[in-house]
N, C-alpha and C. Protein backbone atom coordinates (compact mmCIF):
# COMPACT_ATOMS: atom_id res chain seq x y z
N MET A 1 -58.60 -90.65 -80.99
CA MET A 1 -59.28 -89.13 -81.44
C MET A 1 -59.20 -88.97 -80.18
N SER A 2 -60.13 -89.66 -79.06
CA SER A 2 -60.42 -89.25 -77.82
C SER A 2 -59.16 -89.17 -76.87
N GLN A 3 -58.37 -89.09 -76.95
CA GLN A 3 -56.77 -88.86 -76.06
C GLN A 3 -57.27 -87.37 -76.18
N LEU A 4 -57.01 -86.66 -77.55
CA LEU A 4 -56.34 -85.18 -77.85
C LEU A 4 -56.95 -84.80 -76.77
N PRO A 5 -58.71 -84.47 -76.82
CA PRO A 5 -59.08 -82.94 -75.61
C PRO A 5 -58.76 -83.52 -74.29
N GLN A 6 -58.88 -85.28 -73.72
CA GLN A 6 -58.14 -85.58 -72.61
C GLN A 6 -56.82 -84.41 -72.79
N GLN A 7 -56.06 -84.57 -73.46
CA GLN A 7 -54.41 -84.14 -73.48
C GLN A 7 -54.66 -82.38 -73.54
N ILE A 8 -55.07 -81.83 -74.09
CA ILE A 8 -55.43 -79.99 -74.00
C ILE A 8 -55.62 -80.30 -72.64
N PHE A 9 -57.16 -80.67 -71.93
CA PHE A 9 -57.62 -80.28 -71.14
C PHE A 9 -56.57 -80.65 -69.75
N SER A 10 -56.03 -81.84 -69.78
CA SER A 10 -55.23 -82.01 -68.63
C SER A 10 -54.16 -80.95 -68.56
N GLU A 11 -53.71 -80.16 -69.77
CA GLU A 11 -52.35 -79.35 -69.89
C GLU A 11 -53.10 -77.98 -68.82
N LEU A 12 -53.81 -77.36 -69.33
CA LEU A 12 -54.66 -76.48 -68.85
C LEU A 12 -54.81 -76.11 -67.18
N LEU A 13 -54.60 -74.59 -67.24
CA LEU A 13 -54.55 -74.53 -65.44
C LEU A 13 -55.92 -74.80 -64.35
N PRO A 14 -55.92 -75.63 -63.47
CA PRO A 14 -56.96 -75.81 -62.76
C PRO A 14 -57.59 -74.72 -62.57
N PRO A 15 -59.33 -74.59 -61.71
CA PRO A 15 -59.90 -73.02 -61.97
C PRO A 15 -59.78 -72.75 -60.57
N GLU A 16 -58.94 -73.23 -59.86
CA GLU A 16 -58.53 -72.62 -58.55
C GLU A 16 -57.59 -71.41 -58.56
N GLN A 17 -56.60 -72.17 -59.45
CA GLN A 17 -55.41 -71.30 -59.59
C GLN A 17 -55.53 -70.19 -60.45
N ILE A 18 -56.24 -70.80 -61.65
CA ILE A 18 -56.86 -69.30 -62.21
C ILE A 18 -57.40 -68.07 -61.54
N VAL A 19 -58.31 -68.42 -61.52
CA VAL A 19 -58.90 -67.69 -59.98
C VAL A 19 -58.41 -66.72 -58.71
N SER A 20 -57.30 -67.75 -58.39
CA SER A 20 -56.47 -66.74 -57.91
C SER A 20 -55.41 -66.23 -58.27
N SER A 21 -55.06 -65.95 -59.57
CA SER A 21 -54.07 -65.76 -60.32
C SER A 21 -54.71 -64.22 -60.66
N LEU A 22 -55.97 -64.48 -61.06
CA LEU A 22 -56.97 -63.08 -61.30
C LEU A 22 -57.15 -62.30 -59.98
N ARG A 23 -57.28 -63.50 -58.87
CA ARG A 23 -57.60 -62.22 -57.53
C ARG A 23 -55.89 -61.63 -57.72
N ASP A 24 -55.24 -61.88 -57.72
CA ASP A 24 -53.86 -60.73 -57.31
C ASP A 24 -53.70 -60.00 -58.64
N THR A 25 -54.22 -60.40 -59.99
CA THR A 25 -53.91 -59.07 -61.16
C THR A 25 -54.77 -58.73 -61.16
N ILE A 26 -56.09 -58.04 -60.31
CA ILE A 26 -56.94 -57.42 -61.29
C ILE A 26 -56.51 -56.29 -59.88
N PRO A 27 -56.49 -56.21 -58.80
CA PRO A 27 -56.33 -55.16 -58.15
C PRO A 27 -54.97 -54.15 -58.75
N SER A 28 -54.03 -54.97 -59.25
CA SER A 28 -52.80 -53.91 -59.52
C SER A 28 -52.97 -53.67 -61.25
N LEU A 29 -53.95 -54.11 -61.55
CA LEU A 29 -54.68 -53.63 -62.77
C LEU A 29 -55.27 -52.34 -62.65
N MET A 30 -56.47 -52.72 -61.79
CA MET A 30 -57.15 -51.41 -61.21
C MET A 30 -56.43 -50.22 -60.61
N PHE A 31 -55.53 -50.07 -60.06
CA PHE A 31 -54.73 -49.68 -59.52
C PHE A 31 -54.08 -48.77 -59.94
N TRP A 32 -53.13 -49.08 -61.50
CA TRP A 32 -52.74 -48.79 -62.62
C TRP A 32 -53.51 -47.86 -63.48
N LEU A 33 -55.11 -48.28 -63.41
CA LEU A 33 -56.30 -47.76 -64.46
C LEU A 33 -56.28 -46.33 -63.84
N ALA A 34 -56.28 -46.40 -62.09
CA ALA A 34 -56.92 -45.29 -62.12
C ALA A 34 -56.21 -44.38 -61.96
N ARG A 35 -54.48 -44.43 -61.91
CA ARG A 35 -53.94 -43.73 -62.09
C ARG A 35 -53.55 -43.21 -62.83
N LEU A 36 -54.02 -43.53 -64.90
CA LEU A 36 -53.73 -42.75 -65.67
C LEU A 36 -54.97 -41.79 -65.31
N ASP A 37 -53.97 -40.76 -65.66
CA ASP A 37 -55.10 -39.23 -65.53
C ASP A 37 -54.94 -38.69 -66.80
N PRO A 38 -55.65 -38.39 -67.45
CA PRO A 38 -55.41 -37.87 -69.20
C PRO A 38 -55.55 -36.75 -69.31
N LYS A 39 -54.24 -36.12 -69.30
CA LYS A 39 -54.20 -34.32 -69.78
C LYS A 39 -54.76 -33.90 -70.58
N ASP A 40 -53.77 -34.03 -71.82
CA ASP A 40 -53.82 -33.74 -73.20
C ASP A 40 -54.15 -35.11 -74.26
N THR A 41 -55.44 -34.57 -74.07
CA THR A 41 -56.83 -35.73 -75.39
C THR A 41 -56.69 -35.75 -76.44
N ASP A 42 -56.27 -34.76 -77.09
CA ASP A 42 -56.51 -34.58 -78.54
C ASP A 42 -55.74 -34.66 -79.33
N VAL A 43 -55.69 -35.82 -79.60
CA VAL A 43 -55.44 -36.78 -80.62
C VAL A 43 -54.51 -35.86 -82.22
N ILE A 44 -55.46 -35.23 -82.67
CA ILE A 44 -55.32 -35.13 -84.15
C ILE A 44 -53.87 -33.99 -83.97
N ALA A 45 -54.45 -33.05 -82.73
CA ALA A 45 -52.86 -32.02 -82.14
C ALA A 45 -51.34 -32.80 -82.07
N GLN A 46 -51.68 -33.91 -81.30
CA GLN A 46 -50.57 -34.85 -80.50
C GLN A 46 -50.31 -35.09 -82.07
N PHE A 47 -51.30 -36.18 -83.35
CA PHE A 47 -50.52 -36.43 -84.49
C PHE A 47 -49.49 -35.40 -85.27
N GLN A 48 -50.42 -34.08 -85.30
CA GLN A 48 -49.88 -33.14 -86.40
C GLN A 48 -48.72 -32.78 -85.65
N GLN A 49 -48.40 -32.49 -84.49
CA GLN A 49 -47.16 -32.00 -83.94
C GLN A 49 -45.85 -33.36 -83.51
N SER A 50 -46.74 -34.58 -83.77
CA SER A 50 -45.46 -35.45 -83.94
C SER A 50 -45.30 -35.84 -85.47
N PHE A 51 -46.10 -35.42 -86.72
CA PHE A 51 -45.44 -35.35 -87.82
C PHE A 51 -44.98 -33.87 -88.25
N LYS A 52 -44.92 -32.94 -87.61
CA LYS A 52 -43.99 -31.96 -87.73
C LYS A 52 -42.65 -32.25 -87.39
N HIS A 53 -42.90 -33.16 -86.09
CA HIS A 53 -41.36 -33.44 -85.59
C HIS A 53 -40.93 -33.84 -86.78
N PHE A 54 -41.43 -34.58 -87.13
CA PHE A 54 -40.36 -35.90 -87.99
C PHE A 54 -40.21 -35.34 -89.24
N VAL A 55 -41.01 -34.39 -90.07
CA VAL A 55 -40.07 -34.17 -90.62
C VAL A 55 -39.01 -32.82 -90.44
N GLN A 56 -39.33 -32.15 -89.57
CA GLN A 56 -37.90 -30.99 -89.13
C GLN A 56 -36.63 -31.57 -88.83
N SER A 57 -37.39 -33.09 -88.14
CA SER A 57 -35.67 -33.67 -87.57
C SER A 57 -35.04 -34.55 -88.49
N GLY A 58 -35.43 -34.24 -89.69
CA GLY A 58 -34.97 -35.07 -90.87
C GLY A 58 -35.50 -36.60 -91.54
N GLN A 59 -36.13 -37.05 -90.72
CA GLN A 59 -36.51 -38.16 -90.46
C GLN A 59 -37.63 -38.93 -91.82
N VAL A 60 -37.84 -37.88 -92.30
CA VAL A 60 -38.65 -38.13 -93.91
C VAL A 60 -37.82 -38.62 -94.72
N TRP A 61 -36.70 -37.90 -94.53
CA TRP A 61 -35.57 -38.09 -95.88
C TRP A 61 -35.32 -39.16 -95.98
N ALA A 62 -34.50 -39.80 -94.48
CA ALA A 62 -34.58 -41.45 -94.46
C ALA A 62 -35.93 -42.03 -94.66
N LEU A 63 -36.87 -41.70 -94.78
CA LEU A 63 -37.86 -42.63 -94.71
C LEU A 63 -37.14 -42.81 -95.86
N LEU A 64 -37.58 -41.80 -96.83
CA LEU A 64 -37.39 -42.16 -98.58
C LEU A 64 -36.60 -42.28 -98.91
N ILE A 65 -35.37 -42.02 -98.82
CA ILE A 65 -34.04 -42.76 -98.83
C ILE A 65 -34.40 -44.18 -99.30
N GLY A 66 -34.41 -44.54 -98.16
CA GLY A 66 -34.59 -46.16 -97.71
C GLY A 66 -35.55 -46.87 -98.52
N VAL A 67 -36.99 -45.91 -98.66
CA VAL A 67 -37.72 -47.00 -99.14
C VAL A 67 -37.18 -46.72 -100.87
N VAL A 68 -36.51 -45.56 -101.91
CA VAL A 68 -36.03 -45.73 -102.45
C VAL A 68 -34.94 -46.75 -102.73
N ILE A 69 -33.95 -47.32 -101.97
CA ILE A 69 -32.97 -48.14 -101.71
C ILE A 69 -33.85 -49.67 -101.51
N GLY A 70 -34.82 -50.19 -101.06
CA GLY A 70 -34.91 -51.01 -101.31
C GLY A 70 -36.27 -51.31 -101.68
N TYR A 71 -37.09 -50.32 -102.75
CA TYR A 71 -37.00 -51.07 -104.08
C TYR A 71 -36.34 -51.16 -105.72
N LEU A 72 -35.14 -50.65 -105.03
CA LEU A 72 -34.06 -51.06 -106.17
C LEU A 72 -33.24 -52.08 -105.76
N PHE A 73 -33.52 -52.67 -104.72
CA PHE A 73 -32.67 -53.85 -103.88
C PHE A 73 -33.53 -54.93 -104.50
N ARG A 74 -34.82 -54.55 -104.33
CA ARG A 74 -35.98 -55.42 -104.56
C ARG A 74 -36.05 -56.07 -106.20
N GLY A 75 -36.17 -54.72 -106.38
CA GLY A 75 -35.53 -54.86 -108.41
C GLY A 75 -34.07 -55.71 -108.35
N PHE A 76 -33.06 -55.33 -108.15
CA PHE A 76 -31.85 -56.31 -108.41
C PHE A 76 -32.12 -58.33 -107.96
N THR A 77 -32.84 -57.70 -107.35
CA THR A 77 -33.39 -59.63 -106.16
C THR A 77 -33.83 -60.15 -106.90
N SER A 78 -35.67 -59.98 -107.44
CA SER A 78 -35.94 -60.20 -108.24
C SER A 78 -35.77 -61.59 -109.03
N TYR A 79 -34.37 -61.21 -110.08
CA TYR A 79 -34.63 -62.17 -111.03
C TYR A 79 -33.86 -63.27 -110.59
């Protein structure tokens, strides 16, 4: 049993490599976070617009037909 923890810890990266990796990753992450410019933050309006498009494009009918066919298929294959 004492070999297992040693084996797990021997497979982990050494601390120097973890620090080096973070040192390379954090500046690029900060750059992309700083570049984000939230212009439209009205989530409710975005959801309403997306749902309206979902209905107008006919995807709601495809969803309902798929649910019905899936329910029937499950009913036929459950016996």
